[in-house]
Amino acid sequence: MKRIGSVAAAALAVFLLSACGSGGGGDGPMATVITDRPQPITAVPTSARALPSSSAPSTTSSTTSPSSTTATTPSAVSQQANPKQYAGKAPGWYYFTSPSGKFECGIAVLETSIAGCHGSLPDSAPEVTDSASTDRVKPNSVQIIAGSPAKFESLGDPKFHRFDGPAAALPYGEELTVPGSGSTNGVRCSVDEQTGVTCTDQVGHGFTVSDDDFDLR
């Protein structure tokens, strides 16, 4: 009976040893299963990181909208010049020059207001009738009579030159506005560095003139 018991104990020991061996061999696959599990987990953040990159175009489109807003921003309104700084000694007369000195101009608030300039008129200006004859000559002035279209003229006297003192320069971006004797009889003038001198009445007639171009309205 003792021998059988010892044999059984030995067999049990062999079984346990073999079980431990197979358990050690089983740890490998179990370890593999454990290490395999994080692989899908690490793949999830990869796909999650792809979402912001796919949403990047919407960010780009939103940043392009301010440029169109900037493009439609209105230009600044011209500042109003003080008429007293340009008033001549004769009542109702106002004189100014362009900052470049190429034009000297005047506004007169009379029964019918007028405005005009002498200076470096463009070569493209059409010939006009000489004030002292019937000859066709190059103009020496451009003028608007309030309520009528502007026109080039050849004047015997420099009507828009200030003789009672120096005329002040009208700065770029400022507008000299002189109310007329009637509701549609006012005149305003301004000077632009590119387009030259512009004078307009209250009903839309006027002129824009530089040393190389003009527009009569």
N, C-alpha and C. Protein backbone atom coordinates (compact mmCIF):
# COMPACT_ATOMS: atom_id res chain seq x y z
N MET A 1 0.84 -1.20 0.00
CA MET A 1 0.00 0.00 0.00
C MET A 1 0.86 1.24 0.00
N LYS A 2 1.95 1.25 0.72
CA LYS A 2 2.86 2.41 0.74
C LYS A 2 3.49 2.62 -0.61
N ARG A 3 3.79 1.48 -1.30
CA ARG A 3 4.44 1.63 -2.61
C ARG A 3 3.47 2.23 -3.62
N ILE A 4 2.22 1.73 -3.50
CA ILE A 4 1.21 2.30 -4.43
C ILE A 4 1.04 3.77 -4.15
N GLY A 5 1.02 4.10 -2.89
CA GLY A 5 0.89 5.53 -2.54
C GLY A 5 2.05 6.33 -3.04
N SER A 6 3.27 5.79 -2.94
CA SER A 6 4.44 6.54 -3.43
C SER A 6 4.41 6.67 -4.93
N VAL A 7 3.95 5.59 -5.57
CA VAL A 7 3.84 5.65 -7.04
C VAL A 7 2.83 6.69 -7.44
N ALA A 8 1.72 6.71 -6.73
CA ALA A 8 0.69 7.72 -7.04
C ALA A 8 1.23 9.11 -6.79
N ALA A 9 2.00 9.24 -5.71
CA ALA A 9 2.57 10.57 -5.43
C ALA A 9 3.54 10.96 -6.50
N ALA A 10 4.33 9.98 -6.98
CA ALA A 10 5.30 10.30 -8.06
C ALA A 10 4.57 10.69 -9.32
N ALA A 11 3.50 9.94 -9.60
CA ALA A 11 2.72 10.27 -10.82
C ALA A 11 2.12 11.65 -10.70
N LEU A 12 1.65 11.93 -9.51
CA LEU A 12 1.08 13.27 -9.30
C LEU A 12 2.13 14.33 -9.48
N ALA A 13 3.32 14.06 -9.02
CA ALA A 13 4.41 15.05 -9.18
C ALA A 13 4.74 15.24 -10.63
N VAL A 14 4.81 14.09 -11.39
CA VAL A 14 5.09 14.20 -12.84
C VAL A 14 4.02 15.00 -13.52
N PHE A 15 2.76 14.76 -13.12
CA PHE A 15 1.63 15.51 -13.73
C PHE A 15 1.73 16.99 -13.46
N LEU A 16 2.09 17.29 -12.21
CA LEU A 16 2.21 18.71 -11.86
C LEU A 16 3.34 19.37 -12.61
N LEU A 17 4.47 18.64 -12.75
CA LEU A 17 5.60 19.21 -13.48
C LEU A 17 5.24 19.45 -14.93
N SER A 18 4.54 18.44 -15.51
CA SER A 18 4.15 18.62 -16.92
C SER A 18 3.16 19.75 -17.06
N ALA A 19 2.29 19.89 -16.04
CA ALA A 19 1.32 21.00 -16.09
C ALA A 19 2.02 22.33 -16.02
N CYS A 20 3.05 22.39 -15.17
CA CYS A 20 3.82 23.64 -15.08
C CYS A 20 4.54 23.92 -16.36
N GLY A 21 5.06 22.86 -17.01
CA GLY A 21 5.76 23.06 -18.29
C GLY A 21 4.81 23.58 -19.34
N SER A 22 3.62 22.90 -19.39
CA SER A 22 2.67 23.39 -20.39
C SER A 22 2.18 24.76 -20.04
N GLY A 23 2.08 25.07 -18.73
CA GLY A 23 1.67 26.44 -18.35
C GLY A 23 2.68 27.45 -18.78
N GLY A 24 4.02 27.08 -18.64
CA GLY A 24 5.06 28.02 -19.10
C GLY A 24 4.97 28.23 -20.57
N GLY A 25 4.68 27.09 -21.31
CA GLY A 25 4.56 27.26 -22.76
C GLY A 25 3.34 28.06 -23.11
N GLY A 26 2.27 27.96 -22.27
CA GLY A 26 1.05 28.72 -22.56
C GLY A 26 1.18 30.19 -22.29
N ASP A 27 2.18 30.55 -21.46
CA ASP A 27 2.34 31.98 -21.18
C ASP A 27 2.70 32.74 -22.43
N GLY A 28 3.41 32.09 -23.34
CA GLY A 28 3.80 32.78 -24.59
C GLY A 28 2.60 33.26 -25.36
N PRO A 29 1.67 32.35 -25.72
CA PRO A 29 0.48 32.80 -26.46
C PRO A 29 -0.31 33.81 -25.70
N MET A 30 -0.43 33.61 -24.37
CA MET A 30 -1.20 34.60 -23.61
C MET A 30 -0.53 35.95 -23.66
N ALA A 31 0.81 35.97 -23.61
CA ALA A 31 1.52 37.25 -23.73
C ALA A 31 1.29 37.87 -25.09
N THR A 32 1.26 37.00 -26.11
CA THR A 32 1.02 37.50 -27.46
C THR A 32 -0.35 38.13 -27.58
N VAL A 33 -1.35 37.49 -26.97
CA VAL A 33 -2.70 38.04 -27.00
C VAL A 33 -2.74 39.37 -26.32
N ILE A 34 -2.03 39.46 -25.19
CA ILE A 34 -2.04 40.72 -24.44
C ILE A 34 -1.38 41.84 -25.24
N THR A 35 -0.25 41.49 -25.89
CA THR A 35 0.45 42.54 -26.66
C THR A 35 -0.28 42.86 -27.94
N ASP A 36 -1.10 41.90 -28.45
CA ASP A 36 -1.86 42.17 -29.68
C ASP A 36 -2.99 43.14 -29.42
N ARG A 37 -3.51 43.14 -28.21
CA ARG A 37 -4.66 43.99 -27.92
C ARG A 37 -4.37 45.49 -28.06
N PRO A 38 -3.19 46.00 -27.64
CA PRO A 38 -2.95 47.45 -27.79
C PRO A 38 -2.87 47.91 -29.23
N GLN A 39 -2.62 46.95 -30.20
CA GLN A 39 -2.46 47.40 -31.59
C GLN A 39 -3.69 48.11 -32.12
N PRO A 40 -4.91 47.56 -31.95
CA PRO A 40 -6.08 48.31 -32.39
C PRO A 40 -6.24 49.62 -31.65
N ILE A 41 -5.82 49.66 -30.39
CA ILE A 41 -5.96 50.89 -29.60
C ILE A 41 -5.08 51.99 -30.15
N THR A 42 -3.84 51.61 -30.52
CA THR A 42 -2.95 52.63 -31.09
C THR A 42 -3.42 53.05 -32.47
N ALA A 43 -4.19 52.22 -33.15
CA ALA A 43 -4.70 52.59 -34.47
C ALA A 43 -5.83 53.60 -34.36
N VAL A 44 -6.56 53.60 -33.25
CA VAL A 44 -7.69 54.51 -33.08
C VAL A 44 -7.25 55.97 -33.03
N PRO A 45 -6.22 56.33 -32.22
CA PRO A 45 -5.77 57.73 -32.26
C PRO A 45 -5.31 58.17 -33.63
N THR A 46 -4.75 57.20 -34.43
CA THR A 46 -4.31 57.57 -35.77
C THR A 46 -5.48 58.06 -36.60
N SER A 47 -6.61 57.34 -36.56
CA SER A 47 -7.79 57.77 -37.31
C SER A 47 -8.38 59.02 -36.69
N ALA A 48 -8.26 59.14 -35.36
CA ALA A 48 -8.78 60.35 -34.72
C ALA A 48 -7.99 61.57 -35.12
N ARG A 49 -6.65 61.38 -35.28
CA ARG A 49 -5.83 62.51 -35.70
C ARG A 49 -6.13 62.92 -37.14
N ALA A 50 -6.69 62.00 -37.92
CA ALA A 50 -7.00 62.32 -39.31
C ALA A 50 -8.18 63.27 -39.42
N LEU A 51 -9.06 63.33 -38.40
CA LEU A 51 -10.22 64.20 -38.46
C LEU A 51 -9.86 65.67 -38.51
N PRO A 52 -8.96 66.17 -37.66
CA PRO A 52 -8.60 67.59 -37.77
C PRO A 52 -8.00 67.94 -39.11
N SER A 53 -7.18 67.01 -39.69
CA SER A 53 -6.58 67.32 -40.99
C SER A 53 -7.65 67.42 -42.06
N SER A 54 -8.73 66.61 -41.97
CA SER A 54 -9.79 66.69 -42.96
C SER A 54 -10.62 67.95 -42.77
N SER A 55 -10.63 68.49 -41.54
CA SER A 55 -11.38 69.71 -41.31
C SER A 55 -10.57 70.95 -41.61
N ALA A 56 -9.29 70.80 -41.97
CA ALA A 56 -8.43 71.95 -42.25
C ALA A 56 -8.95 72.83 -43.36
N PRO A 57 -9.54 72.28 -44.47
CA PRO A 57 -10.04 73.18 -45.52
C PRO A 57 -11.06 74.18 -45.03
N SER A 58 -11.93 73.77 -44.05
CA SER A 58 -12.91 74.73 -43.55
C SER A 58 -12.23 75.88 -42.84
N THR A 59 -11.11 75.62 -42.16
CA THR A 59 -10.35 76.70 -41.52
C THR A 59 -9.76 77.62 -42.56
N THR A 60 -9.26 77.05 -43.66
CA THR A 60 -8.68 77.87 -44.72
C THR A 60 -9.73 78.75 -45.36
N SER A 61 -10.95 78.19 -45.61
CA SER A 61 -11.99 78.98 -46.24
C SER A 61 -12.44 80.11 -45.34
N SER A 62 -12.44 79.88 -44.02
CA SER A 62 -12.87 80.93 -43.11
C SER A 62 -11.85 82.06 -43.05
N THR A 63 -10.57 81.75 -43.29
CA THR A 63 -9.58 82.82 -43.25
C THR A 63 -9.55 83.62 -44.53
N THR A 64 -10.17 83.13 -45.62
CA THR A 64 -10.17 83.90 -46.86
C THR A 64 -11.28 84.94 -46.89
N SER A 65 -12.31 84.81 -46.04
CA SER A 65 -13.42 85.74 -46.07
C SER A 65 -13.03 87.16 -45.69
N PRO A 66 -12.12 87.40 -44.70
CA PRO A 66 -11.77 88.79 -44.38
C PRO A 66 -11.15 89.54 -45.55
N SER A 67 -10.45 88.86 -46.47
CA SER A 67 -9.84 89.56 -47.59
C SER A 67 -10.89 90.19 -48.48
N SER A 68 -12.05 89.49 -48.67
CA SER A 68 -13.10 90.08 -49.48
C SER A 68 -13.74 91.25 -48.76
N THR A 69 -13.82 91.19 -47.42
CA THR A 69 -14.36 92.31 -46.65
C THR A 69 -13.45 93.52 -46.78
N THR A 70 -12.13 93.26 -46.73
CA THR A 70 -11.19 94.36 -46.86
C THR A 70 -11.30 95.01 -48.24
N ALA A 71 -11.54 94.19 -49.27
CA ALA A 71 -11.62 94.72 -50.64
C ALA A 71 -12.82 95.61 -50.82
N THR A 72 -13.90 95.39 -50.05
CA THR A 72 -15.10 96.19 -50.21
C THR A 72 -15.16 97.36 -49.25
N THR A 73 -14.08 97.58 -48.48
CA THR A 73 -14.07 98.70 -47.57
C THR A 73 -14.17 100.01 -48.33
N PRO A 74 -15.12 100.91 -48.04
CA PRO A 74 -15.26 102.16 -48.79
C PRO A 74 -14.08 103.08 -48.56
N SER A 75 -13.80 103.92 -49.55
CA SER A 75 -12.71 104.87 -49.43
C SER A 75 -13.08 106.01 -48.48
N ALA A 76 -12.08 106.68 -47.96
CA ALA A 76 -12.30 107.76 -47.01
C ALA A 76 -12.93 108.97 -47.69
N VAL A 77 -13.81 109.66 -46.99
CA VAL A 77 -14.47 110.85 -47.51
C VAL A 77 -13.48 112.01 -47.47
N SER A 78 -13.52 112.86 -48.51
CA SER A 78 -12.62 114.01 -48.56
C SER A 78 -12.89 114.96 -47.39
N GLN A 79 -11.83 115.54 -46.86
CA GLN A 79 -11.96 116.54 -45.81
C GLN A 79 -12.38 117.87 -46.44
N GLN A 80 -13.13 118.64 -45.71
CA GLN A 80 -13.59 119.93 -46.21
C GLN A 80 -12.59 121.03 -45.85
N ALA A 81 -12.17 121.76 -46.88
CA ALA A 81 -11.27 122.89 -46.66
C ALA A 81 -12.06 124.09 -46.16
N ASN A 82 -11.37 124.98 -45.47
CA ASN A 82 -12.00 126.19 -44.96
C ASN A 82 -11.99 127.26 -46.05
N PRO A 83 -13.16 127.66 -46.59
CA PRO A 83 -13.19 128.65 -47.69
C PRO A 83 -12.51 129.97 -47.34
N LYS A 84 -12.51 130.36 -46.08
CA LYS A 84 -11.90 131.64 -45.69
C LYS A 84 -10.41 131.67 -46.00
N GLN A 85 -9.76 130.52 -45.99
CA GLN A 85 -8.33 130.46 -46.26
C GLN A 85 -8.01 130.68 -47.74
N TYR A 86 -9.02 130.67 -48.59
CA TYR A 86 -8.82 130.80 -50.03
C TYR A 86 -9.54 132.03 -50.60
N ALA A 87 -10.16 132.81 -49.73
CA ALA A 87 -10.94 133.97 -50.19
C ALA A 87 -10.03 135.08 -50.71
N GLY A 88 -10.39 135.65 -51.87
CA GLY A 88 -9.68 136.81 -52.40
C GLY A 88 -10.25 138.09 -51.81
N LYS A 89 -9.67 139.22 -52.20
CA LYS A 89 -10.16 140.50 -51.68
C LYS A 89 -11.46 140.91 -52.36
N ALA A 90 -11.65 140.49 -53.59
CA ALA A 90 -12.91 140.79 -54.27
C ALA A 90 -14.01 139.90 -53.69
N PRO A 91 -15.17 140.45 -53.35
CA PRO A 91 -16.24 139.65 -52.74
C PRO A 91 -16.67 138.49 -53.65
N GLY A 92 -16.80 137.33 -53.06
CA GLY A 92 -17.30 136.17 -53.78
C GLY A 92 -16.26 135.38 -54.55
N TRP A 93 -14.98 135.79 -54.47
CA TRP A 93 -13.93 135.09 -55.23
C TRP A 93 -13.04 134.27 -54.29
N TYR A 94 -12.71 133.07 -54.74
CA TYR A 94 -11.86 132.15 -53.99
C TYR A 94 -10.82 131.57 -54.97
N TYR A 95 -9.57 131.51 -54.52
CA TYR A 95 -8.49 131.06 -55.40
C TYR A 95 -7.69 129.94 -54.73
N PHE A 96 -7.16 129.05 -55.57
CA PHE A 96 -6.27 128.00 -55.07
C PHE A 96 -5.38 127.53 -56.21
N THR A 97 -4.29 126.87 -55.83
CA THR A 97 -3.42 126.23 -56.80
C THR A 97 -3.35 124.74 -56.49
N SER A 98 -2.93 123.95 -57.46
CA SER A 98 -2.67 122.54 -57.19
C SER A 98 -1.35 122.44 -56.43
N PRO A 99 -1.18 121.42 -55.59
CA PRO A 99 0.08 121.29 -54.83
C PRO A 99 1.31 121.23 -55.72
N SER A 100 1.16 120.72 -56.95
CA SER A 100 2.29 120.65 -57.87
C SER A 100 2.62 121.99 -58.50
N GLY A 101 1.69 122.95 -58.41
CA GLY A 101 1.89 124.26 -59.04
C GLY A 101 1.55 124.28 -60.52
N LYS A 102 1.05 123.18 -61.07
CA LYS A 102 0.75 123.13 -62.50
C LYS A 102 -0.53 123.88 -62.86
N PHE A 103 -1.43 124.05 -61.88
CA PHE A 103 -2.69 124.72 -62.16
C PHE A 103 -2.98 125.79 -61.10
N GLU A 104 -3.53 126.91 -61.57
CA GLU A 104 -4.09 127.92 -60.66
C GLU A 104 -5.55 128.08 -61.02
N CYS A 105 -6.39 128.06 -60.00
CA CYS A 105 -7.83 127.94 -60.22
C CYS A 105 -8.58 128.94 -59.36
N GLY A 106 -9.84 129.13 -59.71
CA GLY A 106 -10.68 130.04 -58.94
C GLY A 106 -12.14 129.62 -58.95
N ILE A 107 -12.83 130.02 -57.91
CA ILE A 107 -14.29 129.85 -57.81
C ILE A 107 -14.87 131.23 -57.55
N ALA A 108 -15.89 131.60 -58.29
CA ALA A 108 -16.55 132.89 -58.10
C ALA A 108 -18.04 132.66 -57.87
N VAL A 109 -18.53 133.16 -56.72
CA VAL A 109 -19.95 133.05 -56.42
C VAL A 109 -20.59 134.37 -56.84
N LEU A 110 -21.10 134.38 -58.04
CA LEU A 110 -21.73 135.57 -58.60
C LEU A 110 -23.22 135.29 -58.78
N GLU A 111 -23.87 136.06 -59.60
CA GLU A 111 -25.28 135.76 -59.88
C GLU A 111 -25.41 134.35 -60.43
N THR A 112 -24.45 133.96 -61.26
CA THR A 112 -24.27 132.56 -61.67
C THR A 112 -22.84 132.17 -61.32
N SER A 113 -22.67 131.17 -60.49
CA SER A 113 -21.33 130.80 -60.02
C SER A 113 -20.52 130.15 -61.14
N ILE A 114 -19.20 130.36 -61.07
CA ILE A 114 -18.29 129.78 -62.05
C ILE A 114 -17.07 129.20 -61.33
N ALA A 115 -16.38 128.32 -62.04
CA ALA A 115 -15.11 127.80 -61.54
C ALA A 115 -14.27 127.43 -62.75
N GLY A 116 -12.95 127.60 -62.62
CA GLY A 116 -12.10 127.28 -63.74
C GLY A 116 -10.63 127.28 -63.36
N CYS A 117 -9.79 126.88 -64.32
CA CYS A 117 -8.35 126.77 -64.08
C CYS A 117 -7.57 127.20 -65.32
N HIS A 118 -6.38 127.76 -65.08
CA HIS A 118 -5.34 127.94 -66.09
C HIS A 118 -4.21 126.98 -65.73
N GLY A 119 -3.39 126.65 -66.71
CA GLY A 119 -2.23 125.82 -66.38
C GLY A 119 -1.80 124.91 -67.51
N SER A 120 -1.19 123.81 -67.13
CA SER A 120 -0.61 122.87 -68.08
C SER A 120 -1.70 121.96 -68.65
N LEU A 121 -2.47 122.50 -69.57
CA LEU A 121 -3.55 121.72 -70.17
C LEU A 121 -2.98 120.63 -71.08
N PRO A 122 -3.67 119.51 -71.21
CA PRO A 122 -3.13 118.40 -72.02
C PRO A 122 -3.12 118.74 -73.51
N ASP A 123 -2.20 118.13 -74.23
CA ASP A 123 -2.12 118.34 -75.69
C ASP A 123 -3.38 117.84 -76.39
N SER A 124 -4.09 116.91 -75.77
CA SER A 124 -5.30 116.36 -76.37
C SER A 124 -6.51 117.28 -76.27
N ALA A 125 -6.38 118.40 -75.55
CA ALA A 125 -7.50 119.34 -75.43
C ALA A 125 -7.84 119.91 -76.81
N PRO A 126 -9.11 119.95 -77.17
CA PRO A 126 -9.49 120.42 -78.51
C PRO A 126 -9.26 121.93 -78.68
N GLU A 127 -9.06 122.33 -79.92
CA GLU A 127 -8.91 123.76 -80.22
C GLU A 127 -10.24 124.48 -80.01
N VAL A 128 -10.14 125.77 -79.67
CA VAL A 128 -11.32 126.60 -79.43
C VAL A 128 -11.18 127.89 -80.22
N THR A 129 -12.23 128.66 -80.27
CA THR A 129 -12.19 129.94 -80.96
C THR A 129 -11.48 130.96 -80.09
N ASP A 130 -10.54 131.68 -80.69
CA ASP A 130 -9.79 132.70 -79.97
C ASP A 130 -10.75 133.81 -79.54
N SER A 131 -10.57 134.30 -78.31
CA SER A 131 -11.46 135.35 -77.80
C SER A 131 -11.28 136.66 -78.55
N ALA A 132 -10.14 136.86 -79.20
CA ALA A 132 -9.88 138.13 -79.90
C ALA A 132 -10.05 138.01 -81.41
N SER A 133 -10.37 136.81 -81.91
CA SER A 133 -10.53 136.63 -83.35
C SER A 133 -11.39 135.39 -83.59
N THR A 134 -11.50 135.03 -84.87
CA THR A 134 -12.26 133.82 -85.21
C THR A 134 -11.33 132.63 -85.46
N ASP A 135 -10.07 132.80 -85.14
CA ASP A 135 -9.10 131.73 -85.35
C ASP A 135 -9.32 130.60 -84.34
N ARG A 136 -8.93 129.40 -84.77
CA ARG A 136 -8.97 128.25 -83.87
C ARG A 136 -7.60 128.11 -83.22
N VAL A 137 -7.59 128.10 -81.90
CA VAL A 137 -6.32 128.07 -81.16
C VAL A 137 -6.41 127.05 -80.03
N LYS A 138 -5.27 126.77 -79.46
CA LYS A 138 -5.23 125.92 -78.28
C LYS A 138 -5.83 126.67 -77.08
N PRO A 139 -6.61 126.01 -76.25
CA PRO A 139 -7.20 126.70 -75.10
C PRO A 139 -6.15 127.04 -74.05
N ASN A 140 -6.45 128.06 -73.26
CA ASN A 140 -5.58 128.40 -72.13
C ASN A 140 -6.31 128.28 -70.79
N SER A 141 -7.54 127.77 -70.82
CA SER A 141 -8.30 127.61 -69.57
C SER A 141 -9.41 126.58 -69.77
N VAL A 142 -9.92 126.09 -68.65
CA VAL A 142 -11.10 125.22 -68.64
C VAL A 142 -12.04 125.81 -67.60
N GLN A 143 -13.35 125.81 -67.90
CA GLN A 143 -14.29 126.56 -67.06
C GLN A 143 -15.64 125.85 -67.01
N ILE A 144 -16.30 126.01 -65.88
CA ILE A 144 -17.68 125.57 -65.74
C ILE A 144 -18.52 126.73 -65.23
N ILE A 145 -19.65 126.96 -65.87
CA ILE A 145 -20.66 127.88 -65.38
C ILE A 145 -21.76 127.02 -64.79
N ALA A 146 -22.08 127.25 -63.52
CA ALA A 146 -23.03 126.38 -62.81
C ALA A 146 -24.31 126.21 -63.61
N GLY A 147 -24.69 124.94 -63.80
CA GLY A 147 -25.89 124.61 -64.55
C GLY A 147 -25.64 124.32 -66.01
N SER A 148 -24.38 124.46 -66.48
CA SER A 148 -24.04 124.21 -67.88
C SER A 148 -22.82 123.29 -67.96
N PRO A 149 -22.67 122.56 -69.07
CA PRO A 149 -21.51 121.69 -69.22
C PRO A 149 -20.20 122.48 -69.23
N ALA A 150 -19.14 121.86 -68.75
CA ALA A 150 -17.82 122.50 -68.74
C ALA A 150 -17.27 122.57 -70.17
N LYS A 151 -16.32 123.49 -70.39
CA LYS A 151 -15.72 123.63 -71.71
C LYS A 151 -14.35 124.27 -71.60
N PHE A 152 -13.51 124.01 -72.62
CA PHE A 152 -12.23 124.70 -72.76
C PHE A 152 -12.48 126.06 -73.41
N GLU A 153 -11.63 127.03 -73.05
CA GLU A 153 -11.77 128.37 -73.60
C GLU A 153 -10.40 128.99 -73.82
N SER A 154 -10.37 130.02 -74.68
CA SER A 154 -9.19 130.88 -74.83
C SER A 154 -9.58 132.25 -74.32
N LEU A 155 -9.08 132.59 -73.15
CA LEU A 155 -9.43 133.86 -72.50
C LEU A 155 -8.30 134.87 -72.68
N GLY A 156 -8.69 136.11 -72.94
CA GLY A 156 -7.68 137.15 -73.09
C GLY A 156 -6.98 137.44 -71.77
N ASP A 157 -7.72 137.42 -70.68
CA ASP A 157 -7.15 137.66 -69.36
C ASP A 157 -7.16 136.37 -68.53
N PRO A 158 -6.16 136.20 -67.70
CA PRO A 158 -6.13 135.02 -66.82
C PRO A 158 -7.15 135.18 -65.69
N LYS A 159 -8.38 134.86 -66.00
CA LYS A 159 -9.50 135.10 -65.09
C LYS A 159 -9.30 134.45 -63.72
N PHE A 160 -8.66 133.29 -63.67
CA PHE A 160 -8.58 132.52 -62.44
C PHE A 160 -7.23 132.66 -61.74
N HIS A 161 -6.45 133.66 -62.14
CA HIS A 161 -5.20 133.97 -61.45
C HIS A 161 -5.48 135.00 -60.37
N ARG A 162 -4.92 134.81 -59.20
CA ARG A 162 -5.12 135.77 -58.11
C ARG A 162 -4.09 136.87 -58.21
N PHE A 163 -4.54 138.11 -58.41
CA PHE A 163 -3.65 139.26 -58.55
C PHE A 163 -3.44 140.01 -57.23
N ASP A 164 -4.33 139.82 -56.27
CA ASP A 164 -4.24 140.59 -55.02
C ASP A 164 -3.43 139.87 -53.94
N GLY A 165 -2.70 138.83 -54.30
CA GLY A 165 -1.87 138.10 -53.35
C GLY A 165 -1.67 136.67 -53.82
N PRO A 166 -0.83 135.92 -53.12
CA PRO A 166 -0.57 134.53 -53.53
C PRO A 166 -1.77 133.63 -53.20
N ALA A 167 -2.06 132.72 -54.09
CA ALA A 167 -3.13 131.75 -53.86
C ALA A 167 -2.57 130.56 -53.07
N ALA A 168 -3.36 130.10 -52.12
CA ALA A 168 -2.94 128.95 -51.31
C ALA A 168 -3.15 127.65 -52.09
N ALA A 169 -2.28 126.68 -51.84
CA ALA A 169 -2.42 125.36 -52.47
C ALA A 169 -3.53 124.57 -51.76
N LEU A 170 -4.38 123.93 -52.54
CA LEU A 170 -5.43 123.07 -51.99
C LEU A 170 -4.85 121.66 -51.85
N PRO A 171 -4.67 121.17 -50.63
CA PRO A 171 -4.00 119.87 -50.44
C PRO A 171 -4.77 118.72 -51.09
N TYR A 172 -4.03 117.68 -51.46
CA TYR A 172 -4.66 116.46 -51.96
C TYR A 172 -5.59 115.90 -50.88
N GLY A 173 -6.76 115.45 -51.29
CA GLY A 173 -7.69 114.85 -50.35
C GLY A 173 -8.61 115.83 -49.67
N GLU A 174 -8.47 117.14 -49.93
CA GLU A 174 -9.38 118.12 -49.35
C GLU A 174 -10.27 118.70 -50.46
N GLU A 175 -11.47 119.11 -50.07
CA GLU A 175 -12.45 119.64 -51.03
C GLU A 175 -12.86 121.04 -50.61
N LEU A 176 -12.77 121.96 -51.55
CA LEU A 176 -13.18 123.34 -51.31
C LEU A 176 -14.60 123.50 -51.86
N THR A 177 -15.55 123.70 -50.97
CA THR A 177 -16.95 123.83 -51.35
C THR A 177 -17.43 125.25 -51.04
N VAL A 178 -18.00 125.89 -52.06
CA VAL A 178 -18.50 127.25 -51.89
C VAL A 178 -19.98 127.26 -52.26
N PRO A 179 -20.88 127.54 -51.30
CA PRO A 179 -22.31 127.59 -51.62
C PRO A 179 -22.60 128.70 -52.61
N GLY A 180 -23.57 128.45 -53.49
CA GLY A 180 -23.94 129.45 -54.49
C GLY A 180 -25.05 130.36 -54.02
N SER A 181 -25.49 131.22 -54.93
CA SER A 181 -26.56 132.15 -54.61
C SER A 181 -27.93 131.51 -54.70
N GLY A 182 -27.99 130.28 -55.24
CA GLY A 182 -29.24 129.54 -55.33
C GLY A 182 -29.05 128.12 -54.86
N SER A 183 -30.13 127.35 -54.84
CA SER A 183 -30.07 125.99 -54.31
C SER A 183 -29.25 125.05 -55.20
N THR A 184 -29.07 125.38 -56.48
CA THR A 184 -28.28 124.55 -57.39
C THR A 184 -27.10 125.32 -57.97
N ASN A 185 -26.64 126.30 -57.25
CA ASN A 185 -25.62 127.21 -57.79
C ASN A 185 -24.28 127.09 -57.09
N GLY A 186 -24.09 126.07 -56.25
CA GLY A 186 -22.83 125.91 -55.55
C GLY A 186 -21.81 125.17 -56.40
N VAL A 187 -20.53 125.33 -56.04
CA VAL A 187 -19.43 124.68 -56.76
C VAL A 187 -18.46 124.09 -55.74
N ARG A 188 -17.90 122.94 -56.06
CA ARG A 188 -16.87 122.34 -55.21
C ARG A 188 -15.71 121.89 -56.09
N CYS A 189 -14.50 122.01 -55.55
CA CYS A 189 -13.28 121.64 -56.28
C CYS A 189 -12.36 120.84 -55.37
N SER A 190 -11.58 119.96 -55.98
CA SER A 190 -10.60 119.17 -55.25
C SER A 190 -9.45 118.85 -56.19
N VAL A 191 -8.33 118.37 -55.61
CA VAL A 191 -7.15 118.02 -56.41
C VAL A 191 -6.71 116.62 -56.03
N ASP A 192 -6.51 115.80 -57.06
CA ASP A 192 -6.01 114.44 -56.86
C ASP A 192 -4.64 114.33 -57.52
N GLU A 193 -3.72 113.64 -56.86
CA GLU A 193 -2.35 113.55 -57.38
C GLU A 193 -2.29 112.84 -58.72
N GLN A 194 -3.23 111.93 -58.99
CA GLN A 194 -3.21 111.17 -60.24
C GLN A 194 -4.08 111.82 -61.32
N THR A 195 -5.29 112.21 -60.98
CA THR A 195 -6.25 112.67 -61.99
C THR A 195 -6.26 114.18 -62.18
N GLY A 196 -5.70 114.94 -61.25
CA GLY A 196 -5.63 116.40 -61.41
C GLY A 196 -6.73 117.13 -60.68
N VAL A 197 -7.16 118.28 -61.24
CA VAL A 197 -8.15 119.15 -60.61
C VAL A 197 -9.55 118.76 -61.07
N THR A 198 -10.47 118.70 -60.14
CA THR A 198 -11.88 118.43 -60.45
C THR A 198 -12.75 119.51 -59.85
N CYS A 199 -13.63 120.09 -60.65
CA CYS A 199 -14.62 121.05 -60.17
C CYS A 199 -15.99 120.63 -60.68
N THR A 200 -16.98 120.67 -59.81
CA THR A 200 -18.32 120.16 -60.13
C THR A 200 -19.37 121.08 -59.53
N ASP A 201 -20.48 121.27 -60.30
CA ASP A 201 -21.59 122.03 -59.72
C ASP A 201 -22.56 121.07 -59.05
N GLN A 202 -23.68 121.59 -58.57
CA GLN A 202 -24.59 120.78 -57.78
C GLN A 202 -25.52 119.91 -58.62
N VAL A 203 -25.48 120.04 -59.93
CA VAL A 203 -26.33 119.21 -60.78
C VAL A 203 -25.51 118.22 -61.61
N GLY A 204 -24.18 118.14 -61.35
CA GLY A 204 -23.36 117.12 -61.99
C GLY A 204 -22.48 117.58 -63.13
N HIS A 205 -22.60 118.81 -63.57
CA HIS A 205 -21.68 119.32 -64.59
C HIS A 205 -20.32 119.60 -63.94
N GLY A 206 -19.26 119.52 -64.76
CA GLY A 206 -17.94 119.80 -64.21
C GLY A 206 -16.83 119.35 -65.13
N PHE A 207 -15.61 119.39 -64.60
CA PHE A 207 -14.44 118.97 -65.37
C PHE A 207 -13.42 118.34 -64.44
N THR A 208 -12.61 117.47 -65.03
CA THR A 208 -11.41 116.93 -64.40
C THR A 208 -10.29 117.11 -65.40
N VAL A 209 -9.20 117.74 -64.98
CA VAL A 209 -8.12 118.04 -65.91
C VAL A 209 -6.77 117.85 -65.24
N SER A 210 -5.85 117.27 -66.01
CA SER A 210 -4.45 117.15 -65.59
C SER A 210 -3.59 117.57 -66.77
N ASP A 211 -2.27 117.44 -66.65
CA ASP A 211 -1.41 117.86 -67.75
C ASP A 211 -1.39 116.85 -68.89
N ASP A 212 -2.04 115.67 -68.71
CA ASP A 212 -2.04 114.68 -69.79
C ASP A 212 -3.41 114.09 -70.10
N ASP A 213 -4.48 114.56 -69.44
CA ASP A 213 -5.80 114.00 -69.71
C ASP A 213 -6.88 114.97 -69.23
N PHE A 214 -8.11 114.75 -69.69
CA PHE A 214 -9.21 115.61 -69.24
C PHE A 214 -10.53 114.88 -69.38
N ASP A 215 -11.55 115.38 -68.70
CA ASP A 215 -12.91 114.89 -68.80
C ASP A 215 -13.85 116.07 -68.58
N LEU A 216 -14.71 116.34 -69.54
CA LEU A 216 -15.69 117.43 -69.43
C LEU A 216 -17.08 116.84 -69.30
N ARG A 217 -17.86 117.39 -68.38
CA ARG A 217 -19.22 116.87 -68.14
C ARG A 217 -20.24 118.00 -68.17
